[in-house]
C-alpha atoms as a PDB file:
ATOM      1  CA  MET A   1       8.821   1.763   1.061  1.00  0.00           C
ATOM      2  CA  THR A   2       8.675   5.327   2.351  1.00  0.00           C
ATOM      3  CA  ALA A   3       9.633   6.314   5.881  1.00  0.00           C
ATOM      4  CA  HIS A   4       5.982   7.244   6.426  1.00  0.00           C
ATOM      5  CA  ALA A   5       4.860   3.726   5.441  1.00  0.00           C
ATOM      6  CA  ARG A   6       7.408   2.132   7.794  1.00  0.00           C
ATOM      7  CA  GLN A   7       6.285   4.414  10.632  1.00  0.00           C
ATOM      8  CA  ARG A   8       2.613   3.526  10.081  1.00  0.00           C
ATOM      9  CA  MET A   9       3.472  -0.177   9.930  1.00  0.00           C
ATOM     10  CA  LYS A  10       5.210   0.085  13.302  1.00  0.00           C
ATOM     11  CA  GLN A  11       2.246   1.965  14.827  1.00  0.00           C
ATOM     12  CA  ARG A  12      -0.219  -0.592  13.468  1.00  0.00           C
ATOM     13  CA  HIS A  13       1.886  -3.680  14.314  1.00  0.00           C
ATOM     14  CA  VAL A  14       2.166  -4.683  10.668  1.00  0.00           C
ATOM     15  CA  THR A  15       5.188  -6.800   9.759  1.00  0.00           C
ATOM     16  CA  MET A  16       7.053  -6.474   6.436  1.00  0.00           C
ATOM     17  CA  PRO A  17       5.659  -9.719   4.946  1.00  0.00           C
ATOM     18  CA  MET A  18       2.078  -8.460   5.381  1.00  0.00           C
ATOM     19  CA  PRO A  19       2.160  -5.549   2.883  1.00  0.00           C
ATOM     20  CA  MET A  20       4.313  -7.677   0.570  1.00  0.00           C
ATOM     21  CA  GLU A  21       1.490 -10.230   0.453  1.00  0.00           C
ATOM     22  CA  VAL A  22      -0.999  -7.423  -0.177  1.00  0.00           C
ATOM     23  CA  LEU A  23       1.098  -6.293  -3.147  1.00  0.00           C
ATOM     24  CA  THR A  24       1.561  -9.766  -4.613  1.00  0.00           C
ATOM     25  CA  ARG A  25      -1.834 -11.349  -3.895  1.00  0.00           C
ATOM     26  CA  GLY A  26      -4.196  -8.470  -3.061  1.00  0.00           C
ATOM     27  CA  VAL A  27      -6.903  -6.784  -5.099  1.00  0.00           C
ATOM     28  CA  MET A  28      -7.306  -3.204  -6.245  1.00  0.00           C
ATOM     29  CA  ALA A  29      -9.623  -1.614  -3.684  1.00  0.00           C
ATOM     30  CA  ARG A  30     -10.486   1.317  -5.956  1.00  0.00           C
ATOM     31  CA  PRO A  31      -9.522   2.525  -9.430  1.00  0.00           C
ATOM     32  CA  PRO A  32      -6.058   4.114  -9.809  1.00  0.00           C
ATOM     33  CA  GLU A  33      -6.036   7.896  -9.375  1.00  0.00           C
ATOM     34  CA  PRO A  34      -3.670  10.479 -10.859  1.00  0.00           C
ATOM     35  CA  GLU A  35      -1.114  11.733  -8.354  1.00  0.00           C
ATOM     36  CA  LEU A  36      -1.448  15.516  -8.291  1.00  0.00           C
ATOM     37  CA  ARG A  37       2.128  16.233  -7.170  1.00  0.00           C
ATOM     38  CA  HIS A  38       3.776  13.822  -9.634  1.00  0.00           C
ATOM     39  CA  THR A  39       3.138  12.336 -13.071  1.00  0.00           C
ATOM     40  CA  GLY A  40       2.247   8.818 -11.912  1.00  0.00           C
ATOM     41  CA  LEU A  41      -0.745   7.006 -10.459  1.00  0.00           C
ATOM     42  CA  ARG A  42      -1.760   6.201  -6.886  1.00  0.00           C
ATOM     43  CA  CYS A  43      -3.358   2.810  -6.262  1.00  0.00           C
ATOM     44  CA  GLN A  44      -4.776   1.146  -3.182  1.00  0.00           C
ATOM     45  CA  MET A  45      -4.581  -2.613  -2.865  1.00  0.00           C
ATOM     46  CA  GLN A  46      -5.973  -4.666  -0.020  1.00  0.00           C
ATOM     47  CA  ARG A  47      -6.041  -8.190   1.334  1.00  0.00           C
ATOM     48  CA  PHE A  48      -6.928 -10.037   4.528  1.00  0.00           C
ATOM     49  CA  VAL A  49      -3.540 -11.068   5.979  1.00  0.00           C
ATOM     50  CA  ALA A  50      -2.807 -12.745   9.317  1.00  0.00           C
ATOM     51  CA  GLY A  51      -6.262 -11.960  10.659  1.00  0.00           C
ATOM     52  CA  VAL A  52      -6.150  -8.283   9.654  1.00  0.00           C
ATOM     53  CA  ASN A  53      -7.572  -6.498   6.618  1.00  0.00           C
ATOM     54  CA  ILE A  54      -4.574  -4.500   5.314  1.00  0.00           C
ATOM     55  CA  ALA A  55      -4.395  -1.891   2.551  1.00  0.00           C
ATOM     56  CA  ALA A  56      -1.230  -0.627   0.906  1.00  0.00           C
ATOM     57  CA  VAL A  57      -1.307   2.659  -0.979  1.00  0.00           C
ATOM     58  CA  VAL A  58       1.320   2.619  -3.719  1.00  0.00           C
ATOM     59  CA  TYR A  59       2.613   5.124  -6.238  1.00  0.00           C
ATOM     60  CA  LEU A  60       3.759   4.043  -9.674  1.00  0.00           C
ATOM     61  CA  GLU A  61       5.097   5.943 -12.606  1.00  0.00           C
ATOM     62  CA  TYR A  62       5.080   4.645 -16.172  1.00  0.00           C
ATOM     63  CA  PRO A  63       7.395   3.441 -17.738  1.00  0.00           C
ATOM     64  CA  ALA A  64       9.321   2.880 -14.484  1.00  0.00           C
ATOM     65  CA  THR A  65       9.158  -0.743 -13.377  1.00  0.00           C
ATOM     66  CA  GLY A  66       9.101  -0.229  -9.606  1.00  0.00           C
ATOM     67  CA  LEU A  67       6.528   1.141  -7.234  1.00  0.00           C
ATOM     68  CA  VAL A  68       6.675   3.031  -3.955  1.00  0.00           C
ATOM     69  CA  VAL A  69       4.608   2.041  -0.925  1.00  0.00           C
ATOM     70  CA  VAL A  70       3.278   5.365   0.375  1.00  0.00           C
ATOM     71  CA  THR A  71       1.409   4.093   3.440  1.00  0.00           C
ATOM     72  CA  VAL A  72      -0.078   0.978   5.016  1.00  0.00           C
ATOM     73  CA  ILE A  73      -3.568   1.080   6.503  1.00  0.00           C
ATOM     74  CA  GLY A  74      -5.497  -1.283   8.757  1.00  0.00           C
ATOM     75  CA  ILE A  75      -8.963  -1.247   7.147  1.00  0.00           C
ATOM     76  CA  ASP A  76     -10.851  -2.382  10.250  1.00  0.00           C
ATOM     77  CA  GLY A  77      -9.864   0.694  12.250  1.00  0.00           C
ATOM     78  CA  ALA A  78      -6.254  -0.319  12.959  1.00  0.00           C
END
């Protein structure tokens, strides 16, 4: 989780379990895109969690097994 993602979560009143649920149970909101500054892919996943439609933008690099949450977005204008 980047510092930017944590800052946006605080601004948008998103708790840590919310983006974790998006990552484990959400759907891909759009096809993965190449990340221009790095060799990996950027993906956006979203899910309706705790009454709010949340999206998490993540970066992943193959063959690495982890991913990095770049930012967290409230889809309904949050």
